[in-house]
Amino acid sequence: MKKTMPYNFLLDYLPRTVVIKQNFGMYYIYWEGKIVLILREQPKNSHHNGIWISTTRKDHASLKADIPAITDFVFNEGEVFDTAWLLLRPHHDDFETAAISICELIAHRDKRIGKATKKAVELSRL
């Protein structure tokens, strides 16, 4: 049986031309030559579940100010993982509203979200 993409309501708010690739049980979302999101819902390491937002460290503060539900990654209990990615956890009270806001930023080509990768550029040429 094929697994359903988690948080599939996001497809109503993302641009229609996104490319979704499943890998390692996660769903990678690409748009216009960039990876913008990863959707994860796994029983193992569930503290990493949610919507991963592709960004840069310099944009963390402004994104978290605009969408307070966004957090840093916590690798192990209490240990912040130094990464360019941010996380929106599915158990947050404001999860759905925050997730829609992230999709709207993507749709409006907010420069703070998305990273060009070789894979993303290849997918944009298809």
PDB file of N, CA and C in Angstrom:
ATOM      1  N   MET A   1       0.843  -1.178   0.000  1.00  0.00           N
ATOM      2  CA  MET A   1       0.000   0.000   0.000  1.00  0.00           C
ATOM      3  C   MET A   1       0.890   1.244   0.000  1.00  0.00           C
ATOM      4  N   LYS A   2       0.592   2.182  -0.868  1.00  0.00           N
ATOM      5  CA  LYS A   2       1.368   3.401  -0.980  1.00  0.00           C
ATOM      6  C   LYS A   2       1.015   4.354   0.160  1.00  0.00           C
ATOM      7  N   LYS A   3       2.039   4.950   0.733  1.00  0.00           N
ATOM      8  CA  LYS A   3       1.859   5.883   1.840  1.00  0.00           C
ATOM      9  C   LYS A   3       1.346   7.225   1.316  1.00  0.00           C
ATOM     10  N   THR A   4       0.443   7.836   2.057  1.00  0.00           N
ATOM     11  CA  THR A   4      -0.102   9.133   1.703  1.00  0.00           C
ATOM     12  C   THR A   4       0.840  10.231   2.179  1.00  0.00           C
ATOM     13  N   MET A   5       0.990  11.253   1.370  1.00  0.00           N
ATOM     14  CA  MET A   5       1.836  12.380   1.741  1.00  0.00           C
ATOM     15  C   MET A   5       1.245  13.084   2.963  1.00  0.00           C
ATOM     16  N   PRO A   6       2.071  13.326   3.989  1.00  0.00           N
ATOM     17  CA  PRO A   6       1.545  14.040   5.155  1.00  0.00           C
ATOM     18  C   PRO A   6       1.255  15.499   4.812  1.00  0.00           C
ATOM     19  N   TYR A   7       0.312  16.060   5.528  1.00  0.00           N
ATOM     20  CA  TYR A   7      -0.024  17.488   5.393  1.00  0.00           C
ATOM     21  C   TYR A   7      -0.402  17.832   3.949  1.00  0.00           C
ATOM     22  N   ASN A   8      -1.119  16.919   3.299  1.00  0.00           N
ATOM     23  CA  ASN A   8      -1.424  17.119   1.882  1.00  0.00           C
ATOM     24  C   ASN A   8      -2.365  18.301   1.624  1.00  0.00           C
ATOM     25  N   PHE A   9      -2.928  18.894   2.678  1.00  0.00           N
ATOM     26  CA  PHE A   9      -3.731  20.103   2.499  1.00  0.00           C
ATOM     27  C   PHE A   9      -2.877  21.248   1.947  1.00  0.00           C
ATOM     28  N   LEU A  10      -1.556  21.147   2.115  1.00  0.00           N
ATOM     29  CA  LEU A  10      -0.651  22.190   1.623  1.00  0.00           C
ATOM     30  C   LEU A  10      -0.728  22.338   0.102  1.00  0.00           C
ATOM     31  N   LEU A  11      -1.084  21.269  -0.578  1.00  0.00           N
ATOM     32  CA  LEU A  11      -1.160  21.326  -2.041  1.00  0.00           C
ATOM     33  C   LEU A  11      -2.185  22.352  -2.521  1.00  0.00           C
ATOM     34  N   ASP A  12      -3.152  22.671  -1.677  1.00  0.00           N
ATOM     35  CA  ASP A  12      -4.142  23.697  -2.030  1.00  0.00           C
ATOM     36  C   ASP A  12      -3.550  25.098  -1.987  1.00  0.00           C
ATOM     37  N   TYR A  13      -2.400  25.264  -1.339  1.00  0.00           N
ATOM     38  CA  TYR A  13      -1.813  26.583  -1.124  1.00  0.00           C
ATOM     39  C   TYR A  13      -0.469  26.779  -1.815  1.00  0.00           C
ATOM     40  N   LEU A  14       0.137  25.704  -2.256  1.00  0.00           N
ATOM     41  CA  LEU A  14       1.406  25.795  -2.978  1.00  0.00           C
ATOM     42  C   LEU A  14       1.147  26.024  -4.459  1.00  0.00           C
ATOM     43  N   PRO A  15       2.115  26.598  -5.163  1.00  0.00           N
ATOM     44  CA  PRO A  15       1.941  26.757  -6.616  1.00  0.00           C
ATOM     45  C   PRO A  15       1.677  25.400  -7.277  1.00  0.00           C
ATOM     46  N   ARG A  16       0.873  25.385  -8.299  1.00  0.00           N
ATOM     47  CA  ARG A  16       0.488  24.137  -8.970  1.00  0.00           C
ATOM     48  C   ARG A  16       1.661  23.428  -9.632  1.00  0.00           C
ATOM     49  N   THR A  17       2.734  24.163  -9.883  1.00  0.00           N
ATOM     50  CA  THR A  17       3.860  23.597 -10.609  1.00  0.00           C
ATOM     51  C   THR A  17       4.954  23.030  -9.703  1.00  0.00           C
ATOM     52  N   VAL A  18       4.679  22.872  -8.413  1.00  0.00           N
ATOM     53  CA  VAL A  18       5.694  22.259  -7.549  1.00  0.00           C
ATOM     54  C   VAL A  18       5.926  20.822  -7.999  1.00  0.00           C
ATOM     55  N   VAL A  19       7.132  20.340  -7.716  1.00  0.00           N
ATOM     56  CA  VAL A  19       7.486  18.952  -7.995  1.00  0.00           C
ATOM     57  C   VAL A  19       7.697  18.281  -6.647  1.00  0.00           C
ATOM     58  N   ILE A  20       7.066  17.125  -6.454  1.00  0.00           N
ATOM     59  CA  ILE A  20       7.168  16.398  -5.184  1.00  0.00           C
ATOM     60  C   ILE A  20       7.852  15.074  -5.443  1.00  0.00           C
ATOM     61  N   LYS A  21       8.888  14.814  -4.667  1.00  0.00           N
ATOM     62  CA  LYS A  21       9.632  13.562  -4.763  1.00  0.00           C
ATOM     63  C   LYS A  21       9.693  12.918  -3.387  1.00  0.00           C
ATOM     64  N   GLN A  22       9.368  11.642  -3.335  1.00  0.00           N
ATOM     65  CA  GLN A  22       9.449  10.905  -2.075  1.00  0.00           C
ATOM     66  C   GLN A  22      10.809  10.225  -1.996  1.00  0.00           C
ATOM     67  N   ASN A  23      11.446  10.338  -0.832  1.00  0.00           N
ATOM     68  CA  ASN A  23      12.741   9.726  -0.613  1.00  0.00           C
ATOM     69  C   ASN A  23      12.936   9.560   0.890  1.00  0.00           C
ATOM     70  N   PHE A  24      13.402   8.399   1.295  1.00  0.00           N
ATOM     71  CA  PHE A  24      13.651   8.113   2.710  1.00  0.00           C
ATOM     72  C   PHE A  24      12.409   8.361   3.572  1.00  0.00           C
ATOM     73  N   GLY A  25      11.228   8.122   3.014  1.00  0.00           N
ATOM     74  CA  GLY A  25       9.989   8.295   3.762  1.00  0.00           C
ATOM     75  C   GLY A  25       9.577   9.742   3.958  1.00  0.00           C
ATOM     76  N   MET A  26      10.264  10.659   3.291  1.00  0.00           N
ATOM     77  CA  MET A  26       9.926  12.076   3.384  1.00  0.00           C
ATOM     78  C   MET A  26       9.545  12.569   1.990  1.00  0.00           C
ATOM     79  N   TYR A  27       8.849  13.670   1.949  1.00  0.00           N
ATOM     80  CA  TYR A  27       8.394  14.241   0.696  1.00  0.00           C
ATOM     81  C   TYR A  27       9.094  15.577   0.481  1.00  0.00           C
ATOM     82  N   TYR A  28       9.905  15.622  -0.567  1.00  0.00           N
ATOM     83  CA  TYR A  28      10.692  16.797  -0.903  1.00  0.00           C
ATOM     84  C   TYR A  28       9.909  17.632  -1.906  1.00  0.00           C
ATOM     85  N   ILE A  29       9.776  18.924  -1.637  1.00  0.00           N
ATOM     86  CA  ILE A  29       8.995  19.799  -2.498  1.00  0.00           C
ATOM     87  C   ILE A  29       9.937  20.817  -3.148  1.00  0.00           C
ATOM     88  N   TYR A  30       9.924  20.794  -4.479  1.00  0.00           N
ATOM     89  CA  TYR A  30      10.785  21.656  -5.280  1.00  0.00           C
ATOM     90  C   TYR A  30       9.921  22.620  -6.075  1.00  0.00           C
ATOM     91  N   TRP A  31      10.467  23.815  -6.285  1.00  0.00           N
ATOM     92  CA  TRP A  31       9.764  24.784  -7.116  1.00  0.00           C
ATOM     93  C   TRP A  31      10.761  25.779  -7.696  1.00  0.00           C
ATOM     94  N   GLU A  32      10.657  25.974  -8.975  1.00  0.00           N
ATOM     95  CA  GLU A  32      11.474  26.950  -9.704  1.00  0.00           C
ATOM     96  C   GLU A  32      12.965  26.808  -9.404  1.00  0.00           C
ATOM     97  N   GLY A  33      13.450  25.580  -9.460  1.00  0.00           N
ATOM     98  CA  GLY A  33      14.871  25.327  -9.303  1.00  0.00           C
ATOM     99  C   GLY A  33      15.386  25.352  -7.882  1.00  0.00           C
ATOM    100  N   LYS A  34      14.461  25.295  -6.916  1.00  0.00           N
ATOM    101  CA  LYS A  34      14.863  25.316  -5.504  1.00  0.00           C
ATOM    102  C   LYS A  34      14.122  24.233  -4.734  1.00  0.00           C
ATOM    103  N   ILE A  35      14.781  23.722  -3.697  1.00  0.00           N
ATOM    104  CA  ILE A  35      14.053  22.911  -2.732  1.00  0.00           C
ATOM    105  C   ILE A  35      13.466  23.896  -1.726  1.00  0.00           C
ATOM    106  N   VAL A  36      12.164  23.787  -1.479  1.00  0.00           N
ATOM    107  CA  VAL A  36      11.514  24.748  -0.586  1.00  0.00           C
ATOM    108  C   VAL A  36      11.056  24.120   0.726  1.00  0.00           C
ATOM    109  N   LEU A  37      10.590  22.877   0.668  1.00  0.00           N
ATOM    110  CA  LEU A  37      10.077  22.214   1.867  1.00  0.00           C
ATOM    111  C   LEU A  37      10.405  20.727   1.842  1.00  0.00           C
ATOM    112  N   ILE A  38      10.406  20.136   3.022  1.00  0.00           N
ATOM    113  CA  ILE A  38      10.373  18.687   3.180  1.00  0.00           C
ATOM    114  C   ILE A  38       9.266  18.393   4.180  1.00  0.00           C
ATOM    115  N   LEU A  39       8.424  17.430   3.851  1.00  0.00           N
ATOM    116  CA  LEU A  39       7.339  17.019   4.745  1.00  0.00           C
ATOM    117  C   LEU A  39       7.717  15.675   5.341  1.00  0.00           C
ATOM    118  N   ARG A  40       7.664  15.601   6.666  1.00  0.00           N
ATOM    119  CA  ARG A  40       8.091  14.373   7.345  1.00  0.00           C
ATOM    120  C   ARG A  40       7.078  13.983   8.409  1.00  0.00           C
ATOM    121  N   GLU A  41       6.667  12.718   8.375  1.00  0.00           N
ATOM    122  CA  GLU A  41       5.794  12.140   9.408  1.00  0.00           C
ATOM    123  C   GLU A  41       6.208  10.683   9.563  1.00  0.00           C
ATOM    124  N   GLN A  42       7.114  10.428  10.490  1.00  0.00           N
ATOM    125  CA  GLN A  42       7.674   9.103  10.719  1.00  0.00           C
ATOM    126  C   GLN A  42       7.601   8.753  12.205  1.00  0.00           C
ATOM    127  N   PRO A  43       7.424   7.484  12.543  1.00  0.00           N
ATOM    128  CA  PRO A  43       7.397   7.106  13.962  1.00  0.00           C
ATOM    129  C   PRO A  43       8.774   7.218  14.627  1.00  0.00           C
ATOM    130  N   LYS A  44       9.840   6.951  13.869  1.00  0.00           N
ATOM    131  CA  LYS A  44      11.186   7.053  14.428  1.00  0.00           C
ATOM    132  C   LYS A  44      11.616   8.519  14.459  1.00  0.00           C
ATOM    133  N   ASN A  45      12.201   8.946  15.579  1.00  0.00           N
ATOM    134  CA  ASN A  45      12.634  10.344  15.746  1.00  0.00           C
ATOM    135  C   ASN A  45      11.492  11.312  15.448  1.00  0.00           C
ATOM    136  N   SER A  46      10.368  11.081  16.070  1.00  0.00           N
ATOM    137  CA  SER A  46       9.171  11.877  15.777  1.00  0.00           C
ATOM    138  C   SER A  46       9.350  13.367  16.087  1.00  0.00           C
ATOM    139  N   HIS A  47      10.352  13.718  16.891  1.00  0.00           N
ATOM    140  CA  HIS A  47      10.587  15.135  17.171  1.00  0.00           C
ATOM    141  C   HIS A  47      11.096  15.873  15.926  1.00  0.00           C
ATOM    142  N   HIS A  48      11.419  15.134  14.859  1.00  0.00           N
ATOM    143  CA  HIS A  48      11.805  15.746  13.596  1.00  0.00           C
ATOM    144  C   HIS A  48      10.636  15.819  12.612  1.00  0.00           C
ATOM    145  N   ASN A  49       9.469  15.374  13.027  1.00  0.00           N
ATOM    146  CA  ASN A  49       8.300  15.417  12.147  1.00  0.00           C
ATOM    147  C   ASN A  49       7.815  16.842  11.963  1.00  0.00           C
ATOM    148  N   GLY A  50       7.208  17.058  10.820  1.00  0.00           N
ATOM    149  CA  GLY A  50       6.614  18.350  10.528  1.00  0.00           C
ATOM    150  C   GLY A  50       7.015  18.837   9.156  1.00  0.00           C
ATOM    151  N   ILE A  51       7.002  20.144   9.019  1.00  0.00           N
ATOM    152  CA  ILE A  51       7.353  20.795   7.761  1.00  0.00           C
ATOM    153  C   ILE A  51       8.730  21.417   7.935  1.00  0.00           C
ATOM    154  N   TRP A  52       9.673  20.933   7.155  1.00  0.00           N
ATOM    155  CA  TRP A  52      11.021  21.488   7.159  1.00  0.00           C
ATOM    156  C   TRP A  52      11.052  22.611   6.127  1.00  0.00           C
ATOM    157  N   ILE A  53      11.577  23.744   6.509  1.00  0.00           N
ATOM    158  CA  ILE A  53      11.600  24.923   5.653  1.00  0.00           C
ATOM    159  C   ILE A  53      13.041  25.194   5.227  1.00  0.00           C
ATOM    160  N   SER A  54      13.277  25.179   3.938  1.00  0.00           N
ATOM    161  CA  SER A  54      14.610  25.432   3.394  1.00  0.00           C
ATOM    162  C   SER A  54      14.876  26.936   3.410  1.00  0.00           C
ATOM    163  N   THR A  55      15.937  27.322   4.096  1.00  0.00           N
ATOM    164  CA  THR A  55      16.253  28.731   4.248  1.00  0.00           C
ATOM    165  C   THR A  55      17.747  28.887   4.509  1.00  0.00           C
ATOM    166  N   THR A  56      18.150  30.041   4.953  1.00  0.00           N
ATOM    167  CA  THR A  56      19.533  30.267   5.367  1.00  0.00           C
ATOM    168  C   THR A  56      19.523  30.747   6.806  1.00  0.00           C
ATOM    169  N   ARG A  57      20.617  30.569   7.488  1.00  0.00           N
ATOM    170  CA  ARG A  57      20.692  30.986   8.894  1.00  0.00           C
ATOM    171  C   ARG A  57      20.404  32.474   9.061  1.00  0.00           C
ATOM    172  N   LYS A  58      20.842  33.269   8.101  1.00  0.00           N
ATOM    173  CA  LYS A  58      20.632  34.719   8.226  1.00  0.00           C
ATOM    174  C   LYS A  58      19.151  35.098   8.180  1.00  0.00           C
ATOM    175  N   ASP A  59      18.311  34.215   7.649  1.00  0.00           N
ATOM    176  CA  ASP A  59      16.878  34.502   7.553  1.00  0.00           C
ATOM    177  C   ASP A  59      16.052  33.876   8.676  1.00  0.00           C
ATOM    178  N   HIS A  60      16.685  33.152   9.575  1.00  0.00           N
ATOM    179  CA  HIS A  60      15.944  32.489  10.653  1.00  0.00           C
ATOM    180  C   HIS A  60      15.139  33.482  11.490  1.00  0.00           C
ATOM    181  N   ALA A  61      15.780  34.521  11.968  1.00  0.00           N
ATOM    182  CA  ALA A  61      15.108  35.451  12.886  1.00  0.00           C
ATOM    183  C   ALA A  61      13.900  36.110  12.233  1.00  0.00           C
ATOM    184  N   SER A  62      14.039  36.553  10.983  1.00  0.00           N
ATOM    185  CA  SER A  62      12.907  37.235  10.354  1.00  0.00           C
ATOM    186  C   SER A  62      11.759  36.276  10.057  1.00  0.00           C
ATOM    187  N   LEU A  63      12.069  35.051   9.645  1.00  0.00           N
ATOM    188  CA  LEU A  63      10.995  34.078   9.409  1.00  0.00           C
ATOM    189  C   LEU A  63      10.284  33.717  10.710  1.00  0.00           C
ATOM    190  N   LYS A  64      11.050  33.519  11.787  1.00  0.00           N
ATOM    191  CA  LYS A  64      10.432  33.184  13.075  1.00  0.00           C
ATOM    192  C   LYS A  64       9.637  34.365  13.615  1.00  0.00           C
ATOM    193  N   ALA A  65      10.042  35.591  13.303  1.00  0.00           N
ATOM    194  CA  ALA A  65       9.272  36.765  13.718  1.00  0.00           C
ATOM    195  C   ALA A  65       7.948  36.838  12.956  1.00  0.00           C
ATOM    196  N   ASP A  66       7.991  36.510  11.664  1.00  0.00           N
ATOM    197  CA  ASP A  66       6.772  36.544  10.848  1.00  0.00           C
ATOM    198  C   ASP A  66       5.831  35.389  11.157  1.00  0.00           C
ATOM    199  N   ILE A  67       6.398  34.224  11.478  1.00  0.00           N
ATOM    200  CA  ILE A  67       5.600  33.029  11.755  1.00  0.00           C
ATOM    201  C   ILE A  67       6.136  32.416  13.056  1.00  0.00           C
ATOM    202  N   PRO A  68       5.634  32.862  14.201  1.00  0.00           N
ATOM    203  CA  PRO A  68       6.183  32.439  15.496  1.00  0.00           C
ATOM    204  C   PRO A  68       6.127  30.936  15.778  1.00  0.00           C
ATOM    205  N   ALA A  69       5.329  30.185  15.051  1.00  0.00           N
ATOM    206  CA  ALA A  69       5.241  28.732  15.271  1.00  0.00           C
ATOM    207  C   ALA A  69       6.484  28.002  14.772  1.00  0.00           C
ATOM    208  N   ILE A  70       7.277  28.650  13.921  1.00  0.00           N
ATOM    209  CA  ILE A  70       8.490  28.042  13.378  1.00  0.00           C
ATOM    210  C   ILE A  70       9.558  27.961  14.467  1.00  0.00           C
ATOM    211  N   THR A  71      10.278  26.833  14.487  1.00  0.00           N
ATOM    212  CA  THR A  71      11.331  26.637  15.488  1.00  0.00           C
ATOM    213  C   THR A  71      12.625  26.176  14.831  1.00  0.00           C
ATOM    214  N   ASP A  72      13.683  26.193  15.631  1.00  0.00           N
ATOM    215  CA  ASP A  72      14.940  25.584  15.230  1.00  0.00           C
ATOM    216  C   ASP A  72      14.789  24.075  15.348  1.00  0.00           C
ATOM    217  N   PHE A  73      15.706  23.346  14.728  1.00  0.00           N
ATOM    218  CA  PHE A  73      15.749  21.904  14.903  1.00  0.00           C
ATOM    219  C   PHE A  73      16.354  21.575  16.261  1.00  0.00           C
ATOM    220  N   VAL A  74      15.768  20.627  16.954  1.00  0.00           N
ATOM    221  CA  VAL A  74      16.355  20.084  18.168  1.00  0.00           C
ATOM    222  C   VAL A  74      16.762  18.658  17.824  1.00  0.00           C
ATOM    223  N   PHE A  75      18.068  18.416  17.809  1.00  0.00           N
ATOM    224  CA  PHE A  75      18.581  17.124  17.374  1.00  0.00           C
ATOM    225  C   PHE A  75      18.265  16.046  18.399  1.00  0.00           C
ATOM    226  N   ASN A  76      18.711  16.226  19.584  1.00  0.00           N
ATOM    227  CA  ASN A  76      18.370  15.373  20.725  1.00  0.00           C
ATOM    228  C   ASN A  76      17.770  16.286  21.767  1.00  0.00           C
ATOM    229  N   GLU A  77      17.227  15.744  22.800  1.00  0.00           N
ATOM    230  CA  GLU A  77      16.550  16.549  23.811  1.00  0.00           C
ATOM    231  C   GLU A  77      17.424  17.713  24.269  1.00  0.00           C
ATOM    232  N   GLY A  78      16.952  18.929  23.980  1.00  0.00           N
ATOM    233  CA  GLY A  78      17.639  20.131  24.410  1.00  0.00           C
ATOM    234  C   GLY A  78      18.820  20.549  23.557  1.00  0.00           C
ATOM    235  N   GLU A  79      19.209  19.757  22.564  1.00  0.00           N
ATOM    236  CA  GLU A  79      20.383  20.054  21.742  1.00  0.00           C
ATOM    237  C   GLU A  79      19.935  20.637  20.399  1.00  0.00           C
ATOM    238  N   VAL A  80      20.144  21.934  20.221  1.00  0.00           N
ATOM    239  CA  VAL A  80      19.765  22.592  18.978  1.00  0.00           C
ATOM    240  C   VAL A  80      20.732  22.160  17.884  1.00  0.00           C
ATOM    241  N   PHE A  81      20.192  21.788  16.758  1.00  0.00           N
ATOM    242  CA  PHE A  81      20.974  21.319  15.618  1.00  0.00           C
ATOM    243  C   PHE A  81      21.252  22.512  14.713  1.00  0.00           C
ATOM    244  N   ASP A  82      22.504  22.828  14.512  1.00  0.00           N
ATOM    245  CA  ASP A  82      22.891  23.985  13.712  1.00  0.00           C
ATOM    246  C   ASP A  82      22.721  23.675  12.235  1.00  0.00           C
ATOM    247  N   THR A  83      21.628  24.107  11.684  1.00  0.00           N
ATOM    248  CA  THR A  83      21.303  23.839  10.293  1.00  0.00           C
ATOM    249  C   THR A  83      20.630  25.057   9.686  1.00  0.00           C
ATOM    250  N   ALA A  84      20.624  25.109   8.380  1.00  0.00           N
ATOM    251  CA  ALA A  84      19.924  26.192   7.694  1.00  0.00           C
ATOM    252  C   ALA A  84      18.418  25.949   7.665  1.00  0.00           C
ATOM    253  N   TRP A  85      17.990  24.731   7.949  1.00  0.00           N
ATOM    254  CA  TRP A  85      16.571  24.388   7.919  1.00  0.00           C
ATOM    255  C   TRP A  85      15.884  24.848   9.193  1.00  0.00           C
ATOM    256  N   LEU A  86      14.621  25.233   9.049  1.00  0.00           N
ATOM    257  CA  LEU A  86      13.747  25.496  10.197  1.00  0.00           C
ATOM    258  C   LEU A  86      12.640  24.453  10.185  1.00  0.00           C
ATOM    259  N   LEU A  87      11.894  24.371  11.281  1.00  0.00           N
ATOM    260  CA  LEU A  87      10.885  23.320  11.432  1.00  0.00           C
ATOM    261  C   LEU A  87       9.586  23.888  11.969  1.00  0.00           C
ATOM    262  N   LEU A  88       8.501  23.447  11.374  1.00  0.00           N
ATOM    263  CA  LEU A  88       7.165  23.692  11.911  1.00  0.00           C
ATOM    264  C   LEU A  88       6.640  22.346  12.373  1.00  0.00           C
ATOM    265  N   ARG A  89       6.480  22.198  13.674  1.00  0.00           N
ATOM    266  CA  ARG A  89       6.058  20.919  14.248  1.00  0.00           C
ATOM    267  C   ARG A  89       4.547  20.745  14.133  1.00  0.00           C
ATOM    268  N   PRO A  90       4.097  19.519  13.848  1.00  0.00           N
ATOM    269  CA  PRO A  90       2.670  19.278  13.605  1.00  0.00           C
ATOM    270  C   PRO A  90       1.782  19.420  14.840  1.00  0.00           C
ATOM    271  N   HIS A  91       2.349  19.360  16.025  1.00  0.00           N
ATOM    272  CA  HIS A  91       1.532  19.457  17.236  1.00  0.00           C
ATOM    273  C   HIS A  91       1.354  20.899  17.714  1.00  0.00           C
ATOM    274  N   HIS A  92       1.940  21.858  17.021  1.00  0.00           N
ATOM    275  CA  HIS A  92       1.802  23.259  17.418  1.00  0.00           C
ATOM    276  C   HIS A  92       0.346  23.697  17.252  1.00  0.00           C
ATOM    277  N   ASP A  93      -0.154  24.468  18.189  1.00  0.00           N
ATOM    278  CA  ASP A  93      -1.547  24.923  18.151  1.00  0.00           C
ATOM    279  C   ASP A  93      -1.892  25.684  16.867  1.00  0.00           C
ATOM    280  N   ASP A  94      -0.919  26.365  16.309  1.00  0.00           N
ATOM    281  CA  ASP A  94      -1.133  27.204  15.131  1.00  0.00           C
ATOM    282  C   ASP A  94      -0.600  26.534  13.861  1.00  0.00           C
ATOM    283  N   PHE A  95      -0.484  25.202  13.874  1.00  0.00           N
ATOM    284  CA  PHE A  95       0.178  24.489  12.783  1.00  0.00           C
ATOM    285  C   PHE A  95      -0.424  24.799  11.420  1.00  0.00           C
ATOM    286  N   GLU A  96      -1.707  24.617  11.264  1.00  0.00           N
ATOM    287  CA  GLU A  96      -2.322  24.765   9.942  1.00  0.00           C
ATOM    288  C   GLU A  96      -2.205  26.193   9.430  1.00  0.00           C
ATOM    289  N   THR A  97      -2.475  27.163  10.266  1.00  0.00           N
ATOM    290  CA  THR A  97      -2.374  28.568   9.856  1.00  0.00           C
ATOM    291  C   THR A  97      -0.936  28.916   9.489  1.00  0.00           C
ATOM    292  N   ALA A  98       0.010  28.463  10.303  1.00  0.00           N
ATOM    293  CA  ALA A  98       1.425  28.726  10.029  1.00  0.00           C
ATOM    294  C   ALA A  98       1.861  28.041   8.736  1.00  0.00           C
ATOM    295  N   ALA A  99       1.410  26.816   8.509  1.00  0.00           N
ATOM    296  CA  ALA A  99       1.770  26.081   7.295  1.00  0.00           C
ATOM    297  C   ALA A  99       1.241  26.799   6.058  1.00  0.00           C
ATOM    298  N   ILE A 100       0.034  27.286   6.128  1.00  0.00           N
ATOM    299  CA  ILE A 100      -0.539  28.031   5.003  1.00  0.00           C
ATOM    300  C   ILE A 100       0.256  29.312   4.763  1.00  0.00           C
ATOM    301  N   SER A 101       0.656  29.981   5.829  1.00  0.00           N
ATOM    302  CA  SER A 101       1.471  31.201   5.691  1.00  0.00           C
ATOM    303  C   SER A 101       2.795  30.912   4.999  1.00  0.00           C
ATOM    304  N   ILE A 102       3.412  29.788   5.333  1.00  0.00           N
ATOM    305  CA  ILE A 102       4.669  29.394   4.680  1.00  0.00           C
ATOM    306  C   ILE A 102       4.429  29.173   3.192  1.00  0.00           C
ATOM    307  N   CYS A 103       3.352  28.492   2.860  1.00  0.00           N
ATOM    308  CA  CYS A 103       3.029  28.248   1.443  1.00  0.00           C
ATOM    309  C   CYS A 103       2.782  29.561   0.702  1.00  0.00           C
ATOM    310  N   GLU A 104       2.144  30.506   1.353  1.00  0.00           N
ATOM    311  CA  GLU A 104       1.897  31.806   0.727  1.00  0.00           C
ATOM    312  C   GLU A 104       3.211  32.544   0.473  1.00  0.00           C
ATOM    313  N   LEU A 105       4.151  32.446   1.416  1.00  0.00           N
ATOM    314  CA  LEU A 105       5.467  33.062   1.206  1.00  0.00           C
ATOM    315  C   LEU A 105       6.144  32.436  -0.019  1.00  0.00           C
ATOM    316  N   ILE A 106       6.054  31.127  -0.125  1.00  0.00           N
ATOM    317  CA  ILE A 106       6.645  30.429  -1.272  1.00  0.00           C
ATOM    318  C   ILE A 106       5.982  30.893  -2.564  1.00  0.00           C
ATOM    319  N   ALA A 107       4.664  30.909  -2.589  1.00  0.00           N
ATOM    320  CA  ALA A 107       3.924  31.302  -3.789  1.00  0.00           C
ATOM    321  C   ALA A 107       4.252  32.735  -4.213  1.00  0.00           C
ATOM    322  N   HIS A 108       4.591  33.584  -3.245  1.00  0.00           N
ATOM    323  CA  HIS A 108       4.956  34.980  -3.542  1.00  0.00           C
ATOM    324  C   HIS A 108       6.464  35.145  -3.746  1.00  0.00           C
ATOM    325  N   ARG A 109       7.147  34.010  -3.876  1.00  0.00           N
ATOM    326  CA  ARG A 109       8.593  33.982  -4.158  1.00  0.00           C
ATOM    327  C   ARG A 109       9.416  34.716  -3.102  1.00  0.00           C
ATOM    328  N   ASP A 110       9.055  34.542  -1.858  1.00  0.00           N
ATOM    329  CA  ASP A 110       9.826  35.139  -0.767  1.00  0.00           C
ATOM    330  C   ASP A 110      11.260  34.619  -0.837  1.00  0.00           C
ATOM    331  N   LYS A 111      12.211  35.513  -0.906  1.00  0.00           N
ATOM    332  CA  LYS A 111      13.629  35.161  -1.082  1.00  0.00           C
ATOM    333  C   LYS A 111      14.206  34.408   0.112  1.00  0.00           C
ATOM    334  N   ARG A 112      13.521  34.430   1.241  1.00  0.00           N
ATOM    335  CA  ARG A 112      14.037  33.759   2.440  1.00  0.00           C
ATOM    336  C   ARG A 112      13.823  32.255   2.411  1.00  0.00           C
ATOM    337  N   ILE A 113      12.969  31.776   1.512  1.00  0.00           N
ATOM    338  CA  ILE A 113      12.651  30.352   1.463  1.00  0.00           C
ATOM    339  C   ILE A 113      13.120  29.765   0.142  1.00  0.00           C
ATOM    340  N   GLY A 114      13.835  28.652   0.250  1.00  0.00           N
ATOM    341  CA  GLY A 114      14.289  27.935  -0.929  1.00  0.00           C
ATOM    342  C   GLY A 114      15.790  28.003  -1.103  1.00  0.00           C
ATOM    343  N   LYS A 115      16.320  26.893  -1.573  1.00  0.00           N
ATOM    344  CA  LYS A 115      17.748  26.796  -1.839  1.00  0.00           C
ATOM    345  C   LYS A 115      17.934  26.055  -3.156  1.00  0.00           C
ATOM    346  N   ALA A 116      18.711  26.658  -4.043  1.00  0.00           N
ATOM    347  CA  ALA A 116      19.012  26.003  -5.312  1.00  0.00           C
ATOM    348  C   ALA A 116      19.960  24.841  -5.046  1.00  0.00           C
ATOM    349  N   THR A 117      19.597  23.669  -5.538  1.00  0.00           N
ATOM    350  CA  THR A 117      20.442  22.496  -5.447  1.00  0.00           C
ATOM    351  C   THR A 117      20.521  21.883  -6.844  1.00  0.00           C
ATOM    352  N   LYS A 118      21.481  21.026  -7.040  1.00  0.00           N
ATOM    353  CA  LYS A 118      21.615  20.362  -8.341  1.00  0.00           C
ATOM    354  C   LYS A 118      20.326  19.608  -8.685  1.00  0.00           C
ATOM    355  N   LYS A 119      19.795  18.881  -7.720  1.00  0.00           N
ATOM    356  CA  LYS A 119      18.558  18.105  -7.941  1.00  0.00           C
ATOM    357  C   LYS A 119      17.396  19.045  -8.289  1.00  0.00           C
ATOM    358  N   ALA A 120      17.262  20.149  -7.545  1.00  0.00           N
ATOM    359  CA  ALA A 120      16.172  21.078  -7.779  1.00  0.00           C
ATOM    360  C   ALA A 120      16.261  21.696  -9.165  1.00  0.00           C
ATOM    361  N   VAL A 121      17.451  22.038  -9.585  1.00  0.00           N
ATOM    362  CA  VAL A 121      17.635  22.622 -10.915  1.00  0.00           C
ATOM    363  C   VAL A 121      17.299  21.595 -11.991  1.00  0.00           C
ATOM    364  N   GLU A 122      17.732  20.349 -11.797  1.00  0.00           N
ATOM    365  CA  GLU A 122      17.406  19.281 -12.759  1.00  0.00           C
ATOM    366  C   GLU A 122      15.904  19.094 -12.877  1.00  0.00           C
ATOM    367  N   LEU A 123      15.204  19.094 -11.755  1.00  0.00           N
ATOM    368  CA  LEU A 123      13.756  18.885 -11.768  1.00  0.00           C
ATOM    369  C   LEU A 123      13.033  20.046 -12.424  1.00  0.00           C
ATOM    370  N   SER A 124      13.576  21.242 -12.331  1.00  0.00           N
ATOM    371  CA  SER A 124      12.913  22.400 -12.922  1.00  0.00           C
ATOM    372  C   SER A 124      12.998  22.368 -14.442  1.00  0.00           C
ATOM    373  N   ARG A 125      13.917  21.580 -14.979  1.00  0.00           N
ATOM    374  CA  ARG A 125      14.075  21.481 -16.439  1.00  0.00           C
ATOM    375  C   ARG A 125      13.123  20.466 -17.059  1.00  0.00           C
ATOM    376  N   LEU A 126      12.477  19.648 -16.238  1.00  0.00           N
ATOM    377  CA  LEU A 126      11.584  18.613 -16.772  1.00  0.00           C
ATOM    378  C   LEU A 126      10.305  19.201 -17.319  1.00  0.00           C
TER     379      LEU A 126
END
